[in-house]
């Protein structure tokens, strides 16, 4: 049987089977590509492989152009991983060839494929950058059995947080203002830029009922944190979840995460994808308390000759001074500047 490659037209809906879109995650779907394309005007290029009319592979690449962070192609823009899946090696190789041909056509600096392949080595012409893992927690409607998996210290922290009087609200557009404010403020505290409120609104509009905001309120009614959670198949993914500094010592993060686990476990979801983190980071330490499966992510790069792997993350020492400065800048400056910066960190 012959495997053929096809490039989808710009306005052509992707008709991809669940056997491929499940591992490729929600970032492979038209709803995500259309949202990213509309908010930041990034072109999206989609390819598929077929055998006798049956789709055997998919690839969705976003073309990012930024004056500071470069000119590149990536799957899963503003997500952890996804946008690439295949049923066999022949389909994979055809898609990899298509990615490199598109890179040459657009004259980009590099191409980055982010997907769930564990420790699978890349083929010739591609380089793996093993910087990230995601963390997958198996869910069960039996909440007590989930709780019993944790260490005694972690169970105590969860119970303490629940006694503090925090309130978690789940919803859609009705929570947009509070969700954005909590996320923008917490990102500022961490020294990172964040998107405009219009970004979250466009995401919610495009993804519809598959997206939920969660907002955490302190006992005095003030914002304590927020998260964005996306449902795809039987998996719920933590896209963003941050806690404001003032509430961290009261284990507010434990409260938010536990309420999310309760909600989606009781609704029949099988997996909680806690989200990616840099290996060895403080975020990873926190996530490992929930006893997830630590899943290495394949971040494959095709580089221009002589180019180095990009390191667009907070561990890059080149960004240390900028992060320290960003934390000290007032909100009226960083709110308009943040989207201009973060659009290049897809």
Protein backbone atom coordinates (compact mmCIF):
# COMPACT_ATOMS: atom_id res chain seq x y z
CA UNK A 1 0.00 0.00 0.00
CA UNK A 2 1.22 3.46 -0.91
CA UNK A 3 1.26 6.29 1.64
CA UNK A 4 0.59 9.69 0.11
CA UNK A 5 1.10 13.18 1.50
CA UNK A 6 -1.41 16.00 1.15
CA UNK A 7 -1.30 19.67 2.19
CA UNK A 8 -4.71 20.91 3.31
CA UNK A 9 -6.13 24.10 1.83
CA UNK A 10 -6.27 27.08 4.19
CA UNK A 11 -10.06 26.93 4.56
CA UNK A 12 -10.37 23.13 4.45
CA UNK A 13 -11.63 21.53 7.68
CA UNK A 14 -9.37 18.81 9.02
CA UNK A 15 -11.19 15.48 9.08
CA UNK A 16 -8.81 13.51 11.24
CA UNK A 17 -9.65 10.31 13.18
CA UNK A 18 -9.67 10.21 16.99
CA UNK A 19 -6.92 7.58 16.88
CA UNK A 20 -4.63 10.42 15.76
CA UNK A 21 -6.22 13.51 17.33
CA UNK A 22 -6.19 11.92 20.80
CA UNK A 23 -2.36 11.68 20.93
CA UNK A 24 -2.04 14.92 18.94
CA UNK A 25 -4.21 16.63 21.62
CA UNK A 26 -6.53 19.61 21.25
CA UNK A 27 -3.70 21.68 19.76
CA UNK A 28 -4.07 19.70 16.51
CA UNK A 29 -7.72 20.66 16.10
CA UNK A 30 -9.01 23.43 13.87
CA UNK A 31 -10.51 25.16 16.91
CA UNK A 32 -7.01 25.72 18.33
CA UNK A 33 -5.34 26.57 15.02
CA UNK A 34 -8.08 29.04 14.13
CA UNK A 35 -7.89 30.70 17.54
CA UNK A 36 -4.09 31.16 17.42
CA UNK A 37 -4.24 32.32 13.83
CA UNK A 38 -6.93 34.86 14.57
CA UNK A 39 -5.42 36.37 17.74
CA UNK A 40 -1.81 36.69 16.56
CA UNK A 41 -2.24 36.50 12.75
CA UNK A 42 0.10 33.51 12.50
CA UNK A 43 -0.31 31.35 9.37
CA UNK A 44 -1.04 27.68 10.02
CA UNK A 45 0.01 24.92 7.60
CA UNK A 46 -1.58 21.48 7.87
CA UNK A 47 -0.51 18.20 6.29
CA UNK A 48 -1.87 14.69 6.36
CA UNK A 49 -0.81 11.30 5.06
CA UNK A 50 -3.29 8.84 3.64
CA UNK A 51 -3.54 5.19 2.63
CA UNK A 52 -6.51 4.40 0.38
CA UNK A 53 -8.42 7.40 1.72
CA UNK A 54 -7.66 6.68 5.38
CA UNK A 55 -5.66 9.31 7.26
CA UNK A 56 -2.49 7.80 8.77
CA UNK A 57 -0.69 10.93 9.98
CA UNK A 58 -1.23 14.60 10.72
CA UNK A 59 0.91 17.68 11.19
CA UNK A 60 -0.17 21.24 12.02
CA UNK A 61 2.62 23.84 11.90
CA UNK A 62 2.33 27.47 12.97
CA UNK A 63 4.62 30.09 11.43
CA UNK A 64 5.89 32.51 14.09
CA UNK A 65 7.72 35.73 13.20
CA UNK A 66 9.01 37.91 16.02
CA UNK A 67 11.69 40.63 16.10
CA UNK A 68 13.25 39.31 19.33
CA UNK A 69 12.49 35.59 19.52
CA UNK A 70 12.95 34.73 15.88
CA UNK A 71 11.38 33.22 12.83
CA UNK A 72 10.33 29.59 13.22
CA UNK A 73 7.76 26.85 12.71
CA UNK A 74 6.23 24.99 15.63
CA UNK A 75 3.50 22.55 16.50
CA UNK A 76 1.28 23.18 19.53
CA UNK A 77 1.66 26.98 19.69
CA UNK A 78 1.11 28.18 23.28
CA UNK A 79 0.51 24.58 24.31
CA UNK A 80 2.74 21.92 25.80
CA UNK A 81 2.76 19.41 22.98
CA UNK A 82 0.66 18.04 20.14
CA UNK A 83 -0.14 18.89 16.56
CA UNK A 84 1.77 15.85 15.25
CA UNK A 85 0.78 12.19 15.21
CA UNK A 86 1.30 9.19 12.95
CA UNK A 87 0.27 5.56 12.67
CA UNK A 88 3.47 4.25 11.10
CA UNK A 89 7.06 5.20 10.32
CA UNK A 90 6.43 5.85 6.63
CA UNK A 91 3.73 8.39 7.48
CA UNK A 92 6.01 9.97 10.07
CA UNK A 93 8.87 10.36 7.62
CA UNK A 94 6.68 11.90 4.93
CA UNK A 95 5.42 14.47 7.43
CA UNK A 96 8.97 15.21 8.62
CA UNK A 97 10.03 15.76 5.02
CA UNK A 98 7.08 18.09 4.51
CA UNK A 99 8.07 20.08 7.59
CA UNK A 100 11.61 20.53 6.32
CA UNK A 101 10.42 21.48 2.84
CA UNK A 102 8.08 24.10 4.31
CA UNK A 103 10.92 25.44 6.47
CA UNK A 104 13.06 25.88 3.36
CA UNK A 105 10.17 27.53 1.52
CA UNK A 106 9.59 30.04 4.34
CA UNK A 107 13.31 30.42 5.19
CA UNK A 108 12.75 29.94 8.92
CA UNK A 109 15.56 29.61 11.46
CA UNK A 110 14.31 26.29 12.81
CA UNK A 111 11.36 23.93 13.01
CA UNK A 112 10.17 22.54 16.34
CA UNK A 113 7.91 19.48 16.64
CA UNK A 114 6.54 18.94 20.15
CA UNK A 115 4.80 15.67 20.79
CA UNK A 116 4.45 12.75 23.15
CA UNK A 117 7.06 10.20 22.05
CA UNK A 118 8.77 9.40 25.32
CA UNK A 119 12.44 8.75 24.72
CA UNK A 120 12.04 7.83 21.04
CA UNK A 121 15.18 9.11 19.28
CA UNK A 122 14.73 11.48 16.33
CA UNK A 123 15.73 10.43 12.81
CA UNK A 124 18.72 11.97 10.98
CA UNK A 125 18.32 15.70 10.40
CA UNK A 126 16.46 16.26 13.66
CA UNK A 127 17.80 16.97 17.16
CA UNK A 128 16.02 16.19 20.43
CA UNK A 129 16.05 18.81 23.20
CA UNK A 130 15.04 16.87 26.36
CA UNK A 131 14.10 19.87 28.47
CA UNK A 132 10.45 19.20 29.30
CA UNK A 133 8.16 16.54 30.72
CA UNK A 134 4.44 16.47 31.20
CA UNK A 135 2.79 14.84 34.21
CA UNK A 136 -0.18 12.50 33.81
CA UNK A 137 -2.35 11.58 36.78
CA UNK A 138 -4.80 8.70 36.47
CA UNK A 139 -8.25 9.67 37.72
CA UNK A 140 -10.95 7.60 39.38
CA UNK A 141 -14.40 8.49 40.75
CA UNK A 142 -13.19 6.97 44.03
CA UNK A 143 -11.78 10.20 45.47
CA UNK A 144 -10.52 8.59 48.67
CA UNK A 145 -8.40 6.14 46.69
CA UNK A 146 -6.80 9.06 44.86
CA UNK A 147 -6.05 10.81 48.12
CA UNK A 148 -4.51 7.68 49.61
CA UNK A 149 -1.88 7.61 46.83
CA UNK A 150 -0.23 10.77 48.14
CA UNK A 151 2.33 11.07 50.90
CA UNK A 152 1.02 11.81 54.39
CA UNK A 153 2.57 15.29 54.25
CA UNK A 154 0.83 16.05 50.98
CA UNK A 155 -2.52 14.79 52.27
CA UNK A 156 -2.11 17.03 55.33
CA UNK A 157 -1.35 20.05 53.14
CA UNK A 158 -4.47 19.40 51.08
CA UNK A 159 -6.62 19.09 54.20
CA UNK A 160 -5.11 22.25 55.69
CA UNK A 161 -5.84 24.17 52.49
CA UNK A 162 -9.47 23.03 52.50
CA UNK A 163 -9.90 24.28 56.05
CA UNK A 164 -8.61 27.77 55.18
CA UNK A 165 -11.88 28.80 53.56
CA UNK A 166 -10.75 29.12 49.94
CA UNK A 167 -13.52 29.05 47.34
CA UNK A 168 -13.05 27.68 43.80
CA UNK A 169 -15.44 28.66 41.03
CA UNK A 170 -15.59 26.93 37.65
CA UNK A 171 -17.12 28.54 34.59
CA UNK A 172 -16.70 30.09 31.17
CA UNK A 173 -16.86 33.68 29.96
CA UNK A 174 -18.56 34.65 33.24
CA UNK A 175 -15.19 34.14 34.96
CA UNK A 176 -13.04 35.73 32.26
CA UNK A 177 -12.25 38.97 34.10
CA UNK A 178 -11.18 37.31 37.36
CA UNK A 179 -9.31 34.50 35.61
CA UNK A 180 -7.34 36.96 33.52
CA UNK A 181 -6.55 39.23 36.46
CA UNK A 182 -5.27 36.38 38.61
CA UNK A 183 -3.17 34.89 35.81
CA UNK A 184 -1.74 38.23 34.66
CA UNK A 185 -0.82 39.26 38.20
CA UNK A 186 0.76 35.91 39.06
CA UNK A 187 2.78 35.87 35.85
CA UNK A 188 4.01 39.39 36.68
CA UNK A 189 5.14 38.11 40.09
CA UNK A 190 7.09 35.37 38.34
CA UNK A 191 8.74 37.83 35.99
CA UNK A 192 7.03 36.56 32.83
CA UNK A 193 4.94 38.38 30.23
CA UNK A 194 1.35 37.32 29.68
CA UNK A 195 -1.26 37.62 26.98
CA UNK A 196 -4.01 40.24 26.77
CA UNK A 197 -7.47 39.47 28.09
CA UNK A 198 -8.62 39.22 24.46
CA UNK A 199 -6.40 36.12 24.11
CA UNK A 200 -8.31 34.23 26.81
CA UNK A 201 -11.64 35.43 25.43
CA UNK A 202 -10.78 34.28 21.90
CA UNK A 203 -9.65 30.92 23.28
CA UNK A 204 -12.89 30.48 25.20
CA UNK A 205 -14.98 31.52 22.20
CA UNK A 206 -13.18 29.08 19.90
CA UNK A 207 -13.04 26.08 22.25
CA UNK A 208 -16.53 26.52 23.66
CA UNK A 209 -17.63 24.07 26.34
CA UNK A 210 -14.34 22.15 26.18
CA UNK A 211 -12.65 25.02 28.07
CA UNK A 212 -13.23 25.93 31.71
CA UNK A 213 -11.77 28.66 33.83
CA UNK A 214 -11.20 27.96 37.51
CA UNK A 215 -10.80 30.92 39.84
CA UNK A 216 -9.60 30.59 43.43
CA UNK A 217 -10.72 33.15 46.01
CA UNK A 218 -9.19 33.69 49.44
CA UNK A 219 -11.46 33.68 52.53
CA UNK A 220 -11.57 37.51 52.37
CA UNK A 221 -12.90 37.34 48.80
CA UNK A 222 -9.70 38.48 47.14
CA UNK A 223 -8.23 36.66 44.16
CA UNK A 224 -5.81 33.90 45.13
CA UNK A 225 -5.19 32.16 41.80
CA UNK A 226 -6.70 30.80 38.61
CA UNK A 227 -6.36 28.15 35.94
CA UNK A 228 -7.40 27.30 32.39
CA UNK A 229 -8.46 23.68 31.83
CA UNK A 230 -9.16 22.10 28.46
CA UNK A 231 -11.10 18.88 27.94
CA UNK A 232 -10.24 16.58 25.03
CA UNK A 233 -11.44 13.00 24.81
CA UNK A 234 -11.12 11.63 28.37
CA UNK A 235 -8.22 13.91 29.28
CA UNK A 236 -8.38 17.27 31.04
CA UNK A 237 -5.30 19.42 30.53
CA UNK A 238 -3.98 22.11 32.81
CA UNK A 239 -3.01 24.80 30.29
CA UNK A 240 -2.29 27.53 32.86
CA UNK A 241 -2.64 27.42 36.65
CA UNK A 242 -1.00 29.97 38.90
CA UNK A 243 -1.28 31.04 42.52
CA UNK A 244 -0.68 34.59 43.75
CA UNK A 245 2.27 34.92 46.10
CA UNK A 246 0.19 36.11 49.07
CA UNK A 247 -1.74 32.81 49.16
CA UNK A 248 1.03 30.29 48.56
CA UNK A 249 1.93 29.80 52.22
CA UNK A 250 -1.68 28.72 52.89
CA UNK A 251 -1.33 25.87 50.38
CA UNK A 252 -3.66 27.56 47.91
CA UNK A 253 -2.11 25.56 45.09
CA UNK A 254 -3.03 22.30 46.82
CA UNK A 255 -6.61 23.53 47.19
CA UNK A 256 -6.98 24.51 43.52
CA UNK A 257 -5.44 21.33 42.17
CA UNK A 258 -7.45 19.08 44.48
CA UNK A 259 -10.72 20.76 43.52
CA UNK A 260 -9.83 20.30 39.85
CA UNK A 261 -9.04 16.62 40.45
CA UNK A 262 -12.33 16.09 42.32
CA UNK A 263 -14.36 17.82 39.62
CA UNK A 264 -13.02 15.96 36.62
CA UNK A 265 -12.66 12.59 38.32
CA UNK A 266 -16.34 12.71 39.30
CA UNK A 267 -17.26 13.70 35.73
CA UNK A 268 -15.65 10.56 34.32
CA UNK A 269 -12.36 11.87 32.97
CA UNK A 270 -9.60 9.27 32.99
CA UNK A 271 -6.47 11.44 32.97
CA UNK A 272 -5.41 14.78 34.41
CA UNK A 273 -2.55 16.21 32.36
CA UNK A 274 -1.01 18.51 34.96
CA UNK A 275 0.96 20.31 32.25
CA UNK A 276 4.55 20.57 31.17
CA UNK A 277 7.45 21.76 33.30
CA UNK A 278 11.16 22.14 32.84
CA UNK A 279 13.00 19.11 34.19
CA UNK A 280 14.44 19.95 37.61
CA UNK A 281 12.29 23.04 38.15
CA UNK A 282 10.26 23.97 41.21
CA UNK A 283 7.10 23.44 39.18
CA UNK A 284 8.14 19.86 38.55
CA UNK A 285 8.72 19.33 42.27
CA UNK A 286 5.19 20.53 43.04
CA UNK A 287 3.60 18.40 40.32
CA UNK A 288 5.39 15.24 41.42
CA UNK A 289 3.62 15.49 44.79
CA UNK A 290 0.46 14.34 42.99
CA UNK A 291 2.14 11.03 42.05
CA UNK A 292 1.71 11.38 38.28
CA UNK A 293 3.42 9.47 35.52
CA UNK A 294 6.33 11.61 34.41
CA UNK A 295 6.22 11.61 30.60
CA UNK A 296 9.27 12.95 28.71
CA UNK A 297 8.25 15.08 25.75
CA UNK A 298 9.84 14.88 22.32
CA UNK A 299 10.94 18.34 21.28
CA UNK A 300 12.52 17.67 17.90
CA UNK A 301 14.31 20.49 16.10
CA UNK A 302 15.45 20.84 12.50
CA UNK A 303 18.07 23.60 12.57
CA UNK A 304 19.68 25.72 9.92
CA UNK A 305 23.36 24.75 9.39
CA UNK A 306 25.50 26.09 12.24
CA UNK A 307 22.49 27.14 14.34
CA UNK A 308 22.18 26.30 18.03
CA UNK A 309 19.17 24.94 19.86
CA UNK A 310 16.97 27.81 21.05
CA UNK A 311 16.41 28.09 24.79
CA UNK A 312 13.29 30.22 25.13
CA UNK A 313 12.67 29.50 28.80
CA UNK A 314 13.29 31.01 32.22
CA UNK A 315 16.37 28.86 32.85
CA UNK A 316 18.30 30.64 30.11
CA UNK A 317 20.79 32.91 31.94
CA UNK A 318 20.40 35.47 29.15
CA UNK A 319 16.91 36.21 30.48
CA UNK A 320 17.83 36.57 34.19
CA UNK A 321 18.20 40.36 34.14
CA UNK A 322 15.07 40.82 32.04
CA UNK A 323 13.03 38.63 34.44
CA UNK A 324 14.26 40.60 37.46
CA UNK A 325 13.41 43.90 35.76
CA UNK A 326 9.98 42.69 34.65
CA UNK A 327 9.03 41.87 38.23
CA UNK A 328 9.72 45.48 39.26
CA UNK A 329 7.88 47.19 36.42
CA UNK A 330 4.38 48.56 37.20
CA UNK A 331 1.30 46.83 35.84
CA UNK A 332 0.36 49.75 33.57
CA UNK A 333 3.58 49.12 31.63
CA UNK A 334 3.71 45.34 31.53
CA UNK A 335 0.06 44.76 30.59
CA UNK A 336 0.38 46.32 27.09
CA UNK A 337 3.99 45.11 26.60
CA UNK A 338 3.34 41.49 27.65
CA UNK A 339 1.35 40.42 24.56
CA UNK A 340 3.97 41.97 22.27
CA UNK A 341 6.63 39.78 23.87
CA UNK A 342 4.78 36.54 24.54
CA UNK A 343 3.47 36.27 20.98
CA UNK A 344 7.02 35.26 20.03
CA UNK A 345 7.17 32.52 22.68
CA UNK A 346 4.69 30.19 20.99
